[in-house]
PDB file of N, CA and C in Angstrom:
ATOM      1  N   MET A   1     -13.974 -14.082  -6.541  1.00  0.00           N
ATOM      2  CA  MET A   1     -13.575 -13.274  -7.661  1.00  0.00           C
ATOM      3  C   MET A   1     -13.443 -14.162  -8.890  1.00  0.00           C
ATOM      4  N   LYS A   2     -13.914 -13.643 -10.021  1.00  0.00           N
ATOM      5  CA  LYS A   2     -13.728 -14.371 -11.272  1.00  0.00           C
ATOM      6  C   LYS A   2     -13.434 -13.380 -12.387  1.00  0.00           C
ATOM      7  N   ILE A   3     -12.593 -13.808 -13.312  1.00  0.00           N
ATOM      8  CA  ILE A   3     -12.272 -12.977 -14.460  1.00  0.00           C
ATOM      9  C   ILE A   3     -13.373 -13.160 -15.494  1.00  0.00           C
ATOM     10  N   ILE A   4     -13.998 -12.061 -15.872  1.00  0.00           N
ATOM     11  CA  ILE A   4     -15.077 -12.098 -16.850  1.00  0.00           C
ATOM     12  C   ILE A   4     -14.517 -11.894 -18.256  1.00  0.00           C
ATOM     13  N   GLU A   5     -13.597 -10.937 -18.374  1.00  0.00           N
ATOM     14  CA  GLU A   5     -12.987 -10.657 -19.676  1.00  0.00           C
ATOM     15  C   GLU A   5     -11.596 -10.085 -19.441  1.00  0.00           C
ATOM     16  N   GLU A   6     -10.662 -10.473 -20.294  1.00  0.00           N
ATOM     17  CA  GLU A   6      -9.290  -9.982 -20.169  1.00  0.00           C
ATOM     18  C   GLU A   6      -8.663  -9.866 -21.552  1.00  0.00           C
ATOM     19  N   SER A   7      -8.044  -8.700 -21.784  1.00  0.00           N
ATOM     20  CA  SER A   7      -7.280  -8.502 -23.017  1.00  0.00           C
ATOM     21  C   SER A   7      -6.062  -7.661 -22.655  1.00  0.00           C
ATOM     22  N   GLY A   8      -5.311  -7.229 -23.636  1.00  0.00           N
ATOM     23  CA  GLY A   8      -4.098  -6.468 -23.367  1.00  0.00           C
ATOM     24  C   GLY A   8      -4.323  -5.170 -22.618  1.00  0.00           C
ATOM     25  N   ASP A   9      -5.455  -4.508 -22.868  1.00  0.00           N
ATOM     26  CA  ASP A   9      -5.706  -3.223 -22.225  1.00  0.00           C
ATOM     27  C   ASP A   9      -7.013  -3.179 -21.430  1.00  0.00           C
ATOM     28  N   PHE A  10      -7.673  -4.298 -21.270  1.00  0.00           N
ATOM     29  CA  PHE A  10      -8.974  -4.313 -20.591  1.00  0.00           C
ATOM     30  C   PHE A  10      -9.081  -5.506 -19.644  1.00  0.00           C
ATOM     31  N   LEU A  11      -9.737  -5.273 -18.519  1.00  0.00           N
ATOM     32  CA  LEU A  11      -9.981  -6.336 -17.551  1.00  0.00           C
ATOM     33  C   LEU A  11     -11.344  -6.112 -16.916  1.00  0.00           C
ATOM     34  N   ALA A  12     -12.131  -7.163 -16.851  1.00  0.00           N
ATOM     35  CA  ALA A  12     -13.417  -7.131 -16.145  1.00  0.00           C
ATOM     36  C   ALA A  12     -13.406  -8.271 -15.138  1.00  0.00           C
ATOM     37  N   ILE A  13     -13.642  -7.920 -13.884  1.00  0.00           N
ATOM     38  CA  ILE A  13     -13.613  -8.883 -12.783  1.00  0.00           C
ATOM     39  C   ILE A  13     -14.985  -8.923 -12.126  1.00  0.00           C
ATOM     40  N   GLY A  14     -15.482 -10.108 -11.865  1.00  0.00           N
ATOM     41  CA  GLY A  14     -16.739 -10.271 -11.148  1.00  0.00           C
ATOM     42  C   GLY A  14     -16.459 -10.515  -9.668  1.00  0.00           C
ATOM     43  N   LEU A  15     -17.118  -9.753  -8.828  1.00  0.00           N
ATOM     44  CA  LEU A  15     -16.991  -9.899  -7.375  1.00  0.00           C
ATOM     45  C   LEU A  15     -18.336 -10.266  -6.799  1.00  0.00           C
ATOM     46  N   ARG A  16     -18.310 -11.001  -5.718  1.00  0.00           N
ATOM     47  CA  ARG A  16     -19.553 -11.438  -5.091  1.00  0.00           C
ATOM     48  C   ARG A  16     -19.479 -11.185  -3.591  1.00  0.00           C
ATOM     49  N   ASP A  17     -20.565 -10.684  -3.051  1.00  0.00           N
ATOM     50  CA  ASP A  17     -20.689 -10.439  -1.607  1.00  0.00           C
ATOM     51  C   ASP A  17     -19.594  -9.532  -1.072  1.00  0.00           C
ATOM     52  N   VAL A  18     -19.313  -8.454  -1.819  1.00  0.00           N
ATOM     53  CA  VAL A  18     -18.350  -7.443  -1.397  1.00  0.00           C
ATOM     54  C   VAL A  18     -19.112  -6.141  -1.213  1.00  0.00           C
ATOM     55  N   ASP A  19     -18.783  -5.413  -0.157  1.00  0.00           N
ATOM     56  CA  ASP A  19     -19.451  -4.153   0.114  1.00  0.00           C
ATOM     57  C   ASP A  19     -19.157  -3.147  -1.007  1.00  0.00           C
ATOM     58  N   GLN A  20     -20.178  -2.495  -1.471  1.00  0.00           N
ATOM     59  CA  GLN A  20     -20.059  -1.563  -2.585  1.00  0.00           C
ATOM     60  C   GLN A  20     -19.135  -0.391  -2.246  1.00  0.00           C
ATOM     61  N   SER A  21     -19.072   0.039  -0.992  1.00  0.00           N
ATOM     62  CA  SER A  21     -18.210   1.164  -0.639  1.00  0.00           C
ATOM     63  C   SER A  21     -16.734   0.806  -0.799  1.00  0.00           C
ATOM     64  N   ILE A  22     -16.360  -0.440  -0.557  1.00  0.00           N
ATOM     65  CA  ILE A  22     -14.981  -0.887  -0.767  1.00  0.00           C
ATOM     66  C   ILE A  22     -14.665  -0.894  -2.266  1.00  0.00           C
ATOM     67  N   VAL A  23     -15.604  -1.365  -3.070  1.00  0.00           N
ATOM     68  CA  VAL A  23     -15.401  -1.405  -4.519  1.00  0.00           C
ATOM     69  C   VAL A  23     -15.287   0.016  -5.069  1.00  0.00           C
ATOM     70  N   ASN A  24     -16.065   0.939  -4.542  1.00  0.00           N
ATOM     71  CA  ASN A  24     -15.999   2.332  -4.962  1.00  0.00           C
ATOM     72  C   ASN A  24     -14.617   2.914  -4.646  1.00  0.00           C
ATOM     73  N   LEU A  25     -14.115   2.658  -3.455  1.00  0.00           N
ATOM     74  CA  LEU A  25     -12.788   3.126  -3.075  1.00  0.00           C
ATOM     75  C   LEU A  25     -11.706   2.529  -3.982  1.00  0.00           C
ATOM     76  N   PHE A  26     -11.848   1.247  -4.302  1.00  0.00           N
ATOM     77  CA  PHE A  26     -10.901   0.557  -5.171  1.00  0.00           C
ATOM     78  C   PHE A  26     -10.892   1.184  -6.570  1.00  0.00           C
ATOM     79  N   THR A  27     -12.070   1.421  -7.149  1.00  0.00           N
ATOM     80  CA  THR A  27     -12.118   1.993  -8.499  1.00  0.00           C
ATOM     81  C   THR A  27     -11.630   3.440  -8.518  1.00  0.00           C
ATOM     82  N   GLU A  28     -11.906   4.194  -7.466  1.00  0.00           N
ATOM     83  CA  GLU A  28     -11.396   5.564  -7.398  1.00  0.00           C
ATOM     84  C   GLU A  28      -9.874   5.565  -7.332  1.00  0.00           C
ATOM     85  N   THR A  29      -9.311   4.636  -6.588  1.00  0.00           N
ATOM     86  CA  THR A  29      -7.854   4.513  -6.508  1.00  0.00           C
ATOM     87  C   THR A  29      -7.284   4.131  -7.869  1.00  0.00           C
ATOM     88  N   LEU A  30      -7.928   3.202  -8.552  1.00  0.00           N
ATOM     89  CA  LEU A  30      -7.498   2.819  -9.891  1.00  0.00           C
ATOM     90  C   LEU A  30      -7.498   4.021 -10.839  1.00  0.00           C
ATOM     91  N   ASN A  31      -8.527   4.834 -10.777  1.00  0.00           N
ATOM     92  CA  ASN A  31      -8.642   5.987 -11.667  1.00  0.00           C
ATOM     93  C   ASN A  31      -7.543   7.015 -11.452  1.00  0.00           C
ATOM     94  N   ASN A  32      -6.890   6.994 -10.309  1.00  0.00           N
ATOM     95  CA  ASN A  32      -5.813   7.929 -10.016  1.00  0.00           C
ATOM     96  C   ASN A  32      -4.437   7.396 -10.385  1.00  0.00           C
ATOM     97  N   ILE A  33      -4.357   6.214 -10.945  1.00  0.00           N
ATOM     98  CA  ILE A  33      -3.090   5.619 -11.333  1.00  0.00           C
ATOM     99  C   ILE A  33      -2.759   6.026 -12.764  1.00  0.00           C
ATOM    100  N   ASP A  34      -1.512   6.444 -12.964  1.00  0.00           N
ATOM    101  CA  ASP A  34      -1.062   6.848 -14.292  1.00  0.00           C
ATOM    102  C   ASP A  34      -1.198   5.681 -15.265  1.00  0.00           C
ATOM    103  N   GLY A  35      -1.828   5.927 -16.378  1.00  0.00           N
ATOM    104  CA  GLY A  35      -2.010   4.901 -17.395  1.00  0.00           C
ATOM    105  C   GLY A  35      -3.392   4.269 -17.391  1.00  0.00           C
ATOM    106  N   VAL A  36      -4.173   4.533 -16.369  1.00  0.00           N
ATOM    107  CA  VAL A  36      -5.541   4.001 -16.320  1.00  0.00           C
ATOM    108  C   VAL A  36      -6.461   4.984 -17.037  1.00  0.00           C
ATOM    109  N   SER A  37      -7.095   4.514 -18.093  1.00  0.00           N
ATOM    110  CA  SER A  37      -8.023   5.347 -18.863  1.00  0.00           C
ATOM    111  C   SER A  37      -9.390   5.403 -18.198  1.00  0.00           C
ATOM    112  N   TYR A  38      -9.798   4.277 -17.629  1.00  0.00           N
ATOM    113  CA  TYR A  38     -11.125   4.183 -17.033  1.00  0.00           C
ATOM    114  C   TYR A  38     -11.165   3.022 -16.048  1.00  0.00           C
ATOM    115  N   ALA A  39     -11.778   3.247 -14.929  1.00  0.00           N
ATOM    116  CA  ALA A  39     -12.089   2.176 -13.985  1.00  0.00           C
ATOM    117  C   ALA A  39     -13.453   2.492 -13.377  1.00  0.00           C
ATOM    118  N   GLY A  40     -14.294   1.501 -13.330  1.00  0.00           N
ATOM    119  CA  GLY A  40     -15.622   1.689 -12.767  1.00  0.00           C
ATOM    120  C   GLY A  40     -16.223   0.356 -12.389  1.00  0.00           C
ATOM    121  N   TYR A  41     -17.397   0.418 -11.810  1.00  0.00           N
ATOM    122  CA  TYR A  41     -18.064  -0.824 -11.427  1.00  0.00           C
ATOM    123  C   TYR A  41     -19.554  -0.715 -11.679  1.00  0.00           C
ATOM    124  N   ARG A  42     -20.156  -1.876 -11.761  1.00  0.00           N
ATOM    125  CA  ARG A  42     -21.598  -1.961 -11.992  1.00  0.00           C
ATOM    126  C   ARG A  42     -22.163  -3.017 -11.054  1.00  0.00           C
ATOM    127  N   VAL A  43     -23.218  -2.660 -10.349  1.00  0.00           N
ATOM    128  CA  VAL A  43     -23.932  -3.618  -9.520  1.00  0.00           C
ATOM    129  C   VAL A  43     -24.883  -4.366 -10.440  1.00  0.00           C
ATOM    130  N   GLU A  44     -24.650  -5.659 -10.598  1.00  0.00           N
ATOM    131  CA  GLU A  44     -25.458  -6.445 -11.537  1.00  0.00           C
ATOM    132  C   GLU A  44     -26.919  -6.495 -11.110  1.00  0.00           C
ATOM    133  N   HIS A  45     -27.143  -6.783  -9.839  1.00  0.00           N
ATOM    134  CA  HIS A  45     -28.501  -6.763  -9.278  1.00  0.00           C
ATOM    135  C   HIS A  45     -28.354  -6.740  -7.768  1.00  0.00           C
ATOM    136  N   PRO A  46     -29.078  -5.861  -7.089  1.00  0.00           N
ATOM    137  CA  PRO A  46     -28.903  -5.730  -5.641  1.00  0.00           C
ATOM    138  C   PRO A  46     -29.144  -7.028  -4.861  1.00  0.00           C
ATOM    139  N   LEU A  47     -29.997  -7.880  -5.359  1.00  0.00           N
ATOM    140  CA  LEU A  47     -30.307  -9.113  -4.630  1.00  0.00           C
ATOM    141  C   LEU A  47     -29.278 -10.218  -4.831  1.00  0.00           C
ATOM    142  N   THR A  48     -28.485 -10.145  -5.890  1.00  0.00           N
ATOM    143  CA  THR A  48     -27.505 -11.204  -6.149  1.00  0.00           C
ATOM    144  C   THR A  48     -26.173 -10.952  -5.463  1.00  0.00           C
ATOM    145  N   GLY A  49     -25.884  -9.694  -5.119  1.00  0.00           N
ATOM    146  CA  GLY A  49     -24.611  -9.367  -4.501  1.00  0.00           C
ATOM    147  C   GLY A  49     -23.445  -9.402  -5.468  1.00  0.00           C
ATOM    148  N   GLU A  50     -23.717  -9.361  -6.767  1.00  0.00           N
ATOM    149  CA  GLU A  50     -22.660  -9.415  -7.778  1.00  0.00           C
ATOM    150  C   GLU A  50     -22.327  -8.024  -8.290  1.00  0.00           C
ATOM    151  N   ILE A  51     -21.013  -7.743  -8.343  1.00  0.00           N
ATOM    152  CA  ILE A  51     -20.509  -6.466  -8.841  1.00  0.00           C
ATOM    153  C   ILE A  51     -19.450  -6.765  -9.894  1.00  0.00           C
ATOM    154  N   THR A  52     -19.495  -6.029 -10.992  1.00  0.00           N
ATOM    155  CA  THR A  52     -18.482  -6.169 -12.041  1.00  0.00           C
ATOM    156  C   THR A  52     -17.614  -4.923 -12.050  1.00  0.00           C
ATOM    157  N   VAL A  53     -16.302  -5.120 -11.893  1.00  0.00           N
ATOM    158  CA  VAL A  53     -15.333  -4.034 -11.965  1.00  0.00           C
ATOM    159  C   VAL A  53     -14.695  -4.094 -13.347  1.00  0.00           C
ATOM    160  N   SER A  54     -14.690  -2.963 -14.049  1.00  0.00           N
ATOM    161  CA  SER A  54     -14.086  -2.875 -15.384  1.00  0.00           C
ATOM    162  C   SER A  54     -12.943  -1.874 -15.346  1.00  0.00           C
ATOM    163  N   LEU A  55     -11.894  -2.201 -16.080  1.00  0.00           N
ATOM    164  CA  LEU A  55     -10.692  -1.388 -16.075  1.00  0.00           C
ATOM    165  C   LEU A  55     -10.090  -1.362 -17.475  1.00  0.00           C
ATOM    166  N   LYS A  56      -9.810  -0.165 -17.971  1.00  0.00           N
ATOM    167  CA  LYS A  56      -9.151  -0.005 -19.278  1.00  0.00           C
ATOM    168  C   LYS A  56      -7.905   0.841 -19.061  1.00  0.00           C
ATOM    169  N   VAL A  57      -6.785   0.398 -19.676  1.00  0.00           N
ATOM    170  CA  VAL A  57      -5.516   1.093 -19.492  1.00  0.00           C
ATOM    171  C   VAL A  57      -4.900   1.482 -20.832  1.00  0.00           C
ATOM    172  N   GLU A  58      -3.912   2.356 -20.751  1.00  0.00           N
ATOM    173  CA  GLU A  58      -3.082   2.680 -21.909  1.00  0.00           C
ATOM    174  C   GLU A  58      -1.932   1.677 -21.907  1.00  0.00           C
ATOM    175  N   PRO A  59      -1.889   0.756 -22.854  1.00  0.00           N
ATOM    176  CA  PRO A  59      -0.886  -0.319 -22.838  1.00  0.00           C
ATOM    177  C   PRO A  59       0.559   0.168 -22.825  1.00  0.00           C
ATOM    178  N   SER A  60       0.814   1.366 -23.336  1.00  0.00           N
ATOM    179  CA  SER A  60       2.185   1.881 -23.336  1.00  0.00           C
ATOM    180  C   SER A  60       2.652   2.297 -21.944  1.00  0.00           C
ATOM    181  N   LYS A  61       1.701   2.442 -21.010  1.00  0.00           N
ATOM    182  CA  LYS A  61       2.040   2.894 -19.654  1.00  0.00           C
ATOM    183  C   LYS A  61       1.930   1.800 -18.597  1.00  0.00           C
ATOM    184  N   THR A  62       0.963   0.911 -18.737  1.00  0.00           N
ATOM    185  CA  THR A  62       0.760  -0.121 -17.719  1.00  0.00           C
ATOM    186  C   THR A  62      -0.098  -1.240 -18.282  1.00  0.00           C
ATOM    187  N   THR A  63      -0.268  -2.280 -17.484  1.00  0.00           N
ATOM    188  CA  THR A  63      -1.183  -3.366 -17.825  1.00  0.00           C
ATOM    189  C   THR A  63      -2.319  -3.344 -16.802  1.00  0.00           C
ATOM    190  N   PRO A  64      -3.433  -3.972 -17.107  1.00  0.00           N
ATOM    191  CA  PRO A  64      -4.527  -3.999 -16.131  1.00  0.00           C
ATOM    192  C   PRO A  64      -4.106  -4.611 -14.788  1.00  0.00           C
ATOM    193  N   TRP A  65      -3.359  -5.708 -14.838  1.00  0.00           N
ATOM    194  CA  TRP A  65      -2.976  -6.368 -13.585  1.00  0.00           C
ATOM    195  C   TRP A  65      -1.971  -5.556 -12.783  1.00  0.00           C
ATOM    196  N   LYS A  66      -1.068  -4.837 -13.452  1.00  0.00           N
ATOM    197  CA  LYS A  66      -0.130  -3.963 -12.732  1.00  0.00           C
ATOM    198  C   LYS A  66      -0.880  -2.817 -12.068  1.00  0.00           C
ATOM    199  N   ALA A  67      -1.895  -2.293 -12.748  1.00  0.00           N
ATOM    200  CA  ALA A  67      -2.707  -1.218 -12.170  1.00  0.00           C
ATOM    201  C   ALA A  67      -3.467  -1.729 -10.948  1.00  0.00           C
ATOM    202  N   VAL A  68      -4.017  -2.931 -11.039  1.00  0.00           N
ATOM    203  CA  VAL A  68      -4.730  -3.518  -9.894  1.00  0.00           C
ATOM    204  C   VAL A  68      -3.767  -3.693  -8.725  1.00  0.00           C
ATOM    205  N   GLN A  69      -2.586  -4.212  -8.991  1.00  0.00           N
ATOM    206  CA  GLN A  69      -1.604  -4.417  -7.929  1.00  0.00           C
ATOM    207  C   GLN A  69      -1.215  -3.092  -7.283  1.00  0.00           C
ATOM    208  N   LYS A  70      -0.973  -2.078  -8.092  1.00  0.00           N
ATOM    209  CA  LYS A  70      -0.593  -0.770  -7.566  1.00  0.00           C
ATOM    210  C   LYS A  70      -1.717  -0.171  -6.722  1.00  0.00           C
ATOM    211  N   ALA A  71      -2.950  -0.305  -7.180  1.00  0.00           N
ATOM    212  CA  ALA A  71      -4.093   0.221  -6.424  1.00  0.00           C
ATOM    213  C   ALA A  71      -4.215  -0.486  -5.077  1.00  0.00           C
ATOM    214  N   LEU A  72      -4.051  -1.793  -5.068  1.00  0.00           N
ATOM    215  CA  LEU A  72      -4.140  -2.539  -3.808  1.00  0.00           C
ATOM    216  C   LEU A  72      -3.015  -2.152  -2.854  1.00  0.00           C
ATOM    217  N   GLU A  73      -1.820  -1.918  -3.387  1.00  0.00           N
ATOM    218  CA  GLU A  73      -0.703  -1.479  -2.547  1.00  0.00           C
ATOM    219  C   GLU A  73      -0.981  -0.099  -1.952  1.00  0.00           C
ATOM    220  N   GLN A  74      -1.536   0.808  -2.757  1.00  0.00           N
ATOM    221  CA  GLN A  74      -1.870   2.139  -2.261  1.00  0.00           C
ATOM    222  C   GLN A  74      -2.939   2.073  -1.179  1.00  0.00           C
ATOM    223  N   LEU A  75      -3.948   1.234  -1.391  1.00  0.00           N
ATOM    224  CA  LEU A  75      -5.004   1.084  -0.385  1.00  0.00           C
ATOM    225  C   LEU A  75      -4.452   0.486   0.908  1.00  0.00           C
ATOM    226  N   GLU A  76      -3.548  -0.453   0.780  1.00  0.00           N
ATOM    227  CA  GLU A  76      -2.928  -1.047   1.968  1.00  0.00           C
ATOM    228  C   GLU A  76      -2.201   0.024   2.788  1.00  0.00           C
ATOM    229  N   GLU A  77      -1.467   0.901   2.106  1.00  0.00           N
ATOM    230  CA  GLU A  77      -0.766   1.982   2.798  1.00  0.00           C
ATOM    231  C   GLU A  77      -1.746   2.942   3.473  1.00  0.00           C
ATOM    232  N   ILE A  78      -2.828   3.251   2.800  1.00  0.00           N
ATOM    233  CA  ILE A  78      -3.845   4.136   3.381  1.00  0.00           C
ATOM    234  C   ILE A  78      -4.435   3.515   4.639  1.00  0.00           C
ATOM    235  N   PHE A  79      -4.782   2.234   4.570  1.00  0.00           N
ATOM    236  CA  PHE A  79      -5.376   1.565   5.729  1.00  0.00           C
ATOM    237  C   PHE A  79      -4.386   1.445   6.883  1.00  0.00           C
ATOM    238  N   LYS A  80      -3.109   1.209   6.581  1.00  0.00           N
ATOM    239  CA  LYS A  80      -2.087   1.157   7.634  1.00  0.00           C
ATOM    240  C   LYS A  80      -1.956   2.516   8.315  1.00  0.00           C
ATOM    241  N   SER A  81      -1.966   3.575   7.522  1.00  0.00           N
ATOM    242  CA  SER A  81      -1.865   4.922   8.066  1.00  0.00           C
ATOM    243  C   SER A  81      -3.067   5.242   8.953  1.00  0.00           C
ATOM    244  N   LEU A  82      -4.250   4.880   8.491  1.00  0.00           N
ATOM    245  CA  LEU A  82      -5.455   5.106   9.300  1.00  0.00           C
ATOM    246  C   LEU A  82      -5.408   4.314  10.599  1.00  0.00           C
ATOM    247  N   ASP A  83      -4.917   3.091  10.532  1.00  0.00           N
ATOM    248  CA  ASP A  83      -4.816   2.254  11.726  1.00  0.00           C
ATOM    249  C   ASP A  83      -3.879   2.881  12.747  1.00  0.00           C
ATOM    250  N   LYS A  84      -2.742   3.417  12.288  1.00  0.00           N
ATOM    251  CA  LYS A  84      -1.799   4.083  13.198  1.00  0.00           C
ATOM    252  C   LYS A  84      -2.433   5.304  13.843  1.00  0.00           C
ATOM    253  N   LYS A  85      -3.174   6.071  13.054  1.00  0.00           N
ATOM    254  CA  LYS A  85      -3.820   7.257  13.592  1.00  0.00           C
ATOM    255  C   LYS A  85      -4.896   6.882  14.606  1.00  0.00           C
ATOM    256  N   LEU A  86      -5.628   5.810  14.352  1.00  0.00           N
ATOM    257  CA  LEU A  86      -6.630   5.363  15.317  1.00  0.00           C
ATOM    258  C   LEU A  86      -5.985   4.867  16.608  1.00  0.00           C
ATOM    259  N   GLU A  87      -4.867   4.168  16.484  1.00  0.00           N
ATOM    260  CA  GLU A  87      -4.143   3.706  17.669  1.00  0.00           C
ATOM    261  C   GLU A  87      -3.693   4.881  18.531  1.00  0.00           C
ATOM    262  N   ALA A  88      -3.266   5.960  17.891  1.00  0.00           N
ATOM    263  CA  ALA A  88      -2.808   7.145  18.615  1.00  0.00           C
ATOM    264  C   ALA A  88      -3.940   7.799  19.390  1.00  0.00           C
ATOM    265  N   LEU A  89      -5.165   7.625  18.949  1.00  0.00           N
ATOM    266  CA  LEU A  89      -6.315   8.226  19.609  1.00  0.00           C
ATOM    267  C   LEU A  89      -6.775   7.432  20.835  1.00  0.00           C
ATOM    268  N   ARG A  90      -6.343   6.193  20.916  1.00  0.00           N
ATOM    269  CA  ARG A  90      -6.804   5.350  22.044  1.00  0.00           C
ATOM    270  C   ARG A  90      -6.124   5.657  23.322  1.00  0.00           C
TER     271      ARG A  90
END
């Protein structure tokens, strides 16, 4: 992971060799957080494996890094819940 651009209300992160479906889930979670104006990603080139995630927030409500942290916490809870449900099926 590398920071491509960062300001008070904007963050662009470069990811490498990450599955696009995980990045899609991450950006969708970001878009559901209060204060996030926009979150999306762009595949730079299919052969390079590079994806850029961009995030814009309303500074009066949150910061880009707080939104990222909240999204990761929400995803962690979702995955824990799914894991428990899968365990119950075994």
